[in-house]
């Protein structure tokens, strides 16, 4: 299963995912969906199945806004 998740989407699958054939429109849609992508040298986006199945918008984010109670001294 890990090999499937790391496979890249075909151009047709990317069109089906985004609804667009033009690279700039695909990139805009990927950003809206929170899906990570890389750009090829010709400007077209490349996306793995891992990025589709686990977009940034659904990943757990560490909560760094927790106070550091260890920094409080008693004296």
C-alpha atoms as a PDB file:
ATOM      1  CA  UNK A   1       0.000   0.000   0.000  1.00  0.00           C
ATOM      2  CA  UNK A   2       2.869   2.393   0.744  1.00  0.00           C
ATOM      3  CA  UNK A   3       4.032   2.237  -2.852  1.00  0.00           C
ATOM      4  CA  UNK A   4       0.573   3.194  -4.092  1.00  0.00           C
ATOM      5  CA  UNK A   5       0.431   6.244  -1.802  1.00  0.00           C
ATOM      6  CA  UNK A   6       3.807   7.443  -3.078  1.00  0.00           C
ATOM      7  CA  UNK A   7       2.841   7.112  -6.731  1.00  0.00           C
ATOM      8  CA  UNK A   8       2.266  10.301  -8.667  1.00  0.00           C
ATOM      9  CA  UNK A   9      -1.073  11.122 -10.220  1.00  0.00           C
ATOM     10  CA  UNK A  10      -1.217  10.871 -13.992  1.00  0.00           C
ATOM     11  CA  UNK A  11      -2.066  13.989 -15.985  1.00  0.00           C
ATOM     12  CA  UNK A  12      -5.603  12.633 -16.467  1.00  0.00           C
ATOM     13  CA  UNK A  13      -6.023  11.985 -12.739  1.00  0.00           C
ATOM     14  CA  UNK A  14      -4.817  15.513 -11.976  1.00  0.00           C
ATOM     15  CA  UNK A  15      -7.394  16.886 -14.415  1.00  0.00           C
ATOM     16  CA  UNK A  16     -10.117  14.811 -12.748  1.00  0.00           C
ATOM     17  CA  UNK A  17      -8.999  15.926  -9.276  1.00  0.00           C
ATOM     18  CA  UNK A  18      -8.846  19.644 -10.052  1.00  0.00           C
ATOM     19  CA  UNK A  19     -11.361  19.925 -12.867  1.00  0.00           C
ATOM     20  CA  UNK A  20      -8.840  21.878 -14.941  1.00  0.00           C
ATOM     21  CA  UNK A  21      -6.435  21.143 -17.791  1.00  0.00           C
ATOM     22  CA  UNK A  22      -4.383  24.352 -17.523  1.00  0.00           C
ATOM     23  CA  UNK A  23      -1.456  24.118 -15.068  1.00  0.00           C
ATOM     24  CA  UNK A  24      -2.069  27.516 -13.451  1.00  0.00           C
ATOM     25  CA  UNK A  25      -5.709  26.633 -12.757  1.00  0.00           C
ATOM     26  CA  UNK A  26      -4.683  23.222 -11.386  1.00  0.00           C
ATOM     27  CA  UNK A  27      -2.206  24.891  -9.024  1.00  0.00           C
ATOM     28  CA  UNK A  28      -4.849  27.332  -7.799  1.00  0.00           C
ATOM     29  CA  UNK A  29      -7.275  24.475  -7.131  1.00  0.00           C
ATOM     30  CA  UNK A  30      -4.630  22.382  -5.349  1.00  0.00           C
ATOM     31  CA  UNK A  31      -3.902  25.348  -3.070  1.00  0.00           C
ATOM     32  CA  UNK A  32      -7.614  25.758  -2.324  1.00  0.00           C
ATOM     33  CA  UNK A  33      -7.839  22.063  -1.440  1.00  0.00           C
ATOM     34  CA  UNK A  34      -4.730  22.240   0.756  1.00  0.00           C
ATOM     35  CA  UNK A  35      -2.943  19.621  -1.341  1.00  0.00           C
ATOM     36  CA  UNK A  36       0.862  19.791  -1.448  1.00  0.00           C
ATOM     37  CA  UNK A  37       2.466  19.686  -4.881  1.00  0.00           C
ATOM     38  CA  UNK A  38       5.791  20.204  -6.603  1.00  0.00           C
ATOM     39  CA  UNK A  39       6.390  21.981  -9.889  1.00  0.00           C
ATOM     40  CA  UNK A  40       8.039  20.302 -12.837  1.00  0.00           C
ATOM     41  CA  UNK A  41      10.490  22.269 -14.975  1.00  0.00           C
ATOM     42  CA  UNK A  42       7.672  22.938 -17.459  1.00  0.00           C
ATOM     43  CA  UNK A  43       5.533  24.553 -14.723  1.00  0.00           C
ATOM     44  CA  UNK A  44       3.054  21.693 -14.341  1.00  0.00           C
ATOM     45  CA  UNK A  45       2.202  20.463 -10.836  1.00  0.00           C
ATOM     46  CA  UNK A  46       3.162  16.982  -9.651  1.00  0.00           C
ATOM     47  CA  UNK A  47       1.086  15.398  -6.892  1.00  0.00           C
ATOM     48  CA  UNK A  48       1.424  12.104  -5.011  1.00  0.00           C
ATOM     49  CA  UNK A  49      -1.494  10.043  -3.759  1.00  0.00           C
ATOM     50  CA  UNK A  50      -0.245  10.644  -0.224  1.00  0.00           C
ATOM     51  CA  UNK A  51      -0.744  14.385  -0.722  1.00  0.00           C
ATOM     52  CA  UNK A  52      -4.260  13.769  -2.053  1.00  0.00           C
ATOM     53  CA  UNK A  53      -5.284  11.358   0.693  1.00  0.00           C
ATOM     54  CA  UNK A  54      -3.693  13.336   3.535  1.00  0.00           C
ATOM     55  CA  UNK A  55      -3.858  17.030   2.596  1.00  0.00           C
ATOM     56  CA  UNK A  56      -2.410  19.691   4.900  1.00  0.00           C
ATOM     57  CA  UNK A  57      -5.913  20.783   5.860  1.00  0.00           C
ATOM     58  CA  UNK A  58      -6.611  17.381   7.452  1.00  0.00           C
ATOM     59  CA  UNK A  59      -3.290  16.852   9.203  1.00  0.00           C
ATOM     60  CA  UNK A  60      -3.026  17.306  12.946  1.00  0.00           C
ATOM     61  CA  UNK A  61      -1.244  20.516  13.800  1.00  0.00           C
ATOM     62  CA  UNK A  62       0.853  20.852  16.928  1.00  0.00           C
ATOM     63  CA  UNK A  63      -0.548  23.423  19.327  1.00  0.00           C
ATOM     64  CA  UNK A  64       2.359  25.710  20.152  1.00  0.00           C
ATOM     65  CA  UNK A  65       0.140  28.187  22.016  1.00  0.00           C
ATOM     66  CA  UNK A  66       0.384  26.246  25.275  1.00  0.00           C
ATOM     67  CA  UNK A  67       1.906  28.183  28.171  1.00  0.00           C
ATOM     68  CA  UNK A  68       5.237  26.970  29.532  1.00  0.00           C
ATOM     69  CA  UNK A  69       4.262  26.342  33.149  1.00  0.00           C
ATOM     70  CA  UNK A  70       7.767  25.042  33.820  1.00  0.00           C
ATOM     71  CA  UNK A  71       9.035  28.595  33.443  1.00  0.00           C
ATOM     72  CA  UNK A  72       7.026  29.787  36.452  1.00  0.00           C
ATOM     73  CA  UNK A  73       9.064  29.875  39.642  1.00  0.00           C
ATOM     74  CA  UNK A  74       7.728  29.773  43.192  1.00  0.00           C
ATOM     75  CA  UNK A  75       9.553  32.596  44.664  1.00  0.00           C
END
